[in-house]
Amino acid sequence: MENENLTNHITCPKCGAEIPVTTTTTGRLGRKRLGIPFKNIYGALQLYQDRDRAAEKLHCSVAYIYNTCKEHGTNPKDVMEAKAREENESSIK
């Protein structure tokens, strides 16, 4: 019972949406993870070639994109450069 989770909601001051947060009986409060798959982040970075725009389209922060890329051993710049390299190689052929 010590680690029992209780789900509550807070209201976003910017958009007014309700955001679920988890409160444990130990007093910790936090938002649930977004859980955006890396392939979606990878695709958005290659499509938009801009970290801010990709974050906006995925409804997450740029920091979330950086952290997810870091977990997969890369960074947003490398992902975007990979797209440019692919385009250059295809134009040479």
Protein backbone atom coordinates (compact mmCIF):
# COMPACT_ATOMS: atom_id res chain seq x y z
CA MET A 1 0.00 0.00 0.00
CA GLU A 2 3.02 2.25 0.48
CA ASN A 3 3.60 2.74 -3.29
CA GLU A 4 -0.05 2.85 -4.34
CA ASN A 5 -0.58 5.22 -7.28
CA LEU A 6 -3.42 7.73 -7.34
CA THR A 7 -4.20 9.45 -10.63
CA ASN A 8 -5.27 13.08 -10.51
CA HIS A 9 -5.57 15.80 -13.13
CA ILE A 10 -4.18 19.31 -13.29
CA THR A 11 -5.25 22.02 -15.72
CA CYS A 12 -2.71 23.38 -18.18
CA PRO A 13 -2.47 27.16 -17.68
CA LYS A 14 -1.68 27.66 -21.39
CA CYS A 15 -4.40 25.65 -23.16
CA GLY A 16 -6.78 24.62 -20.36
CA ALA A 17 -6.45 20.89 -21.10
CA GLU A 18 -6.52 18.43 -18.23
CA ILE A 19 -3.20 16.62 -17.76
CA PRO A 20 -3.09 13.35 -15.82
CA VAL A 21 -0.53 13.24 -13.01
CA THR A 22 0.30 10.41 -10.70
CA THR A 23 0.63 10.94 -6.97
CA THR A 24 2.08 8.21 -4.82
CA THR A 25 1.43 7.89 -1.12
CA THR A 26 5.09 8.83 -0.62
CA GLY A 27 4.19 12.32 -1.89
CA ARG A 28 5.84 12.20 -5.31
CA LEU A 29 4.02 14.00 -8.09
CA GLY A 30 4.76 13.65 -11.77
CA ARG A 31 3.30 13.62 -15.23
CA LYS A 32 2.95 10.34 -17.10
CA ARG A 33 5.54 9.71 -19.81
CA LEU A 34 4.49 10.73 -23.31
CA GLY A 35 5.67 7.45 -24.79
CA ILE A 36 6.27 8.80 -28.31
CA PRO A 37 8.06 6.06 -30.28
CA PHE A 38 11.55 6.87 -31.55
CA LYS A 39 10.50 6.09 -35.13
CA ASN A 40 7.94 8.93 -34.92
CA ILE A 41 10.57 11.36 -33.63
CA TYR A 42 13.03 10.18 -36.28
CA GLY A 43 10.44 10.66 -39.02
CA ALA A 44 9.40 14.11 -37.81
CA LEU A 45 13.02 15.31 -37.63
CA GLN A 46 13.70 14.09 -41.15
CA LEU A 47 10.45 15.51 -42.51
CA TYR A 48 10.67 18.99 -40.97
CA GLN A 49 14.48 19.33 -40.66
CA ASP A 50 13.86 21.51 -37.58
CA ARG A 51 13.82 20.48 -33.91
CA ASP A 52 11.29 23.11 -32.86
CA ARG A 53 8.84 22.28 -35.64
CA ALA A 54 9.15 18.54 -35.00
CA ALA A 55 8.48 19.10 -31.29
CA GLU A 56 5.44 21.24 -32.12
CA LYS A 57 4.00 18.62 -34.49
CA LEU A 58 4.60 15.80 -31.97
CA HIS A 59 3.17 17.87 -29.08
CA CYS A 60 6.30 17.48 -26.98
CA SER A 61 9.30 19.55 -25.96
CA VAL A 62 12.62 19.83 -27.75
CA ALA A 63 14.20 18.41 -24.59
CA TYR A 64 12.00 15.32 -24.93
CA ILE A 65 13.30 14.86 -28.48
CA TYR A 66 16.91 15.25 -27.31
CA ASN A 67 16.43 12.78 -24.44
CA THR A 68 14.76 10.17 -26.65
CA CYS A 69 17.48 10.49 -29.28
CA LYS A 70 20.12 10.19 -26.55
CA GLU A 71 18.49 6.97 -25.30
CA HIS A 72 18.92 5.60 -28.85
CA GLY A 73 22.56 6.70 -29.17
CA THR A 74 22.09 9.64 -31.51
CA ASN A 75 21.06 13.30 -31.49
CA PRO A 76 18.59 15.35 -33.55
CA LYS A 77 21.33 16.93 -35.66
CA ASP A 78 22.61 13.52 -36.77
CA VAL A 79 19.10 12.39 -37.69
CA MET A 80 18.51 15.51 -39.80
CA GLU A 81 21.95 15.22 -41.45
CA ALA A 82 21.22 11.58 -42.33
CA LYS A 83 18.30 12.78 -44.47
CA ALA A 84 20.54 15.32 -46.24
CA ARG A 85 23.18 12.62 -46.90
CA GLU A 86 20.53 10.28 -48.33
CA GLU A 87 19.29 13.03 -50.66
CA ASN A 88 22.83 13.87 -51.80
CA GLU A 89 23.64 10.22 -52.51
CA SER A 90 20.44 9.75 -54.52
CA SER A 91 21.09 12.89 -56.59
CA ILE A 92 24.61 11.71 -57.47
CA LYS A 93 23.35 8.41 -58.91
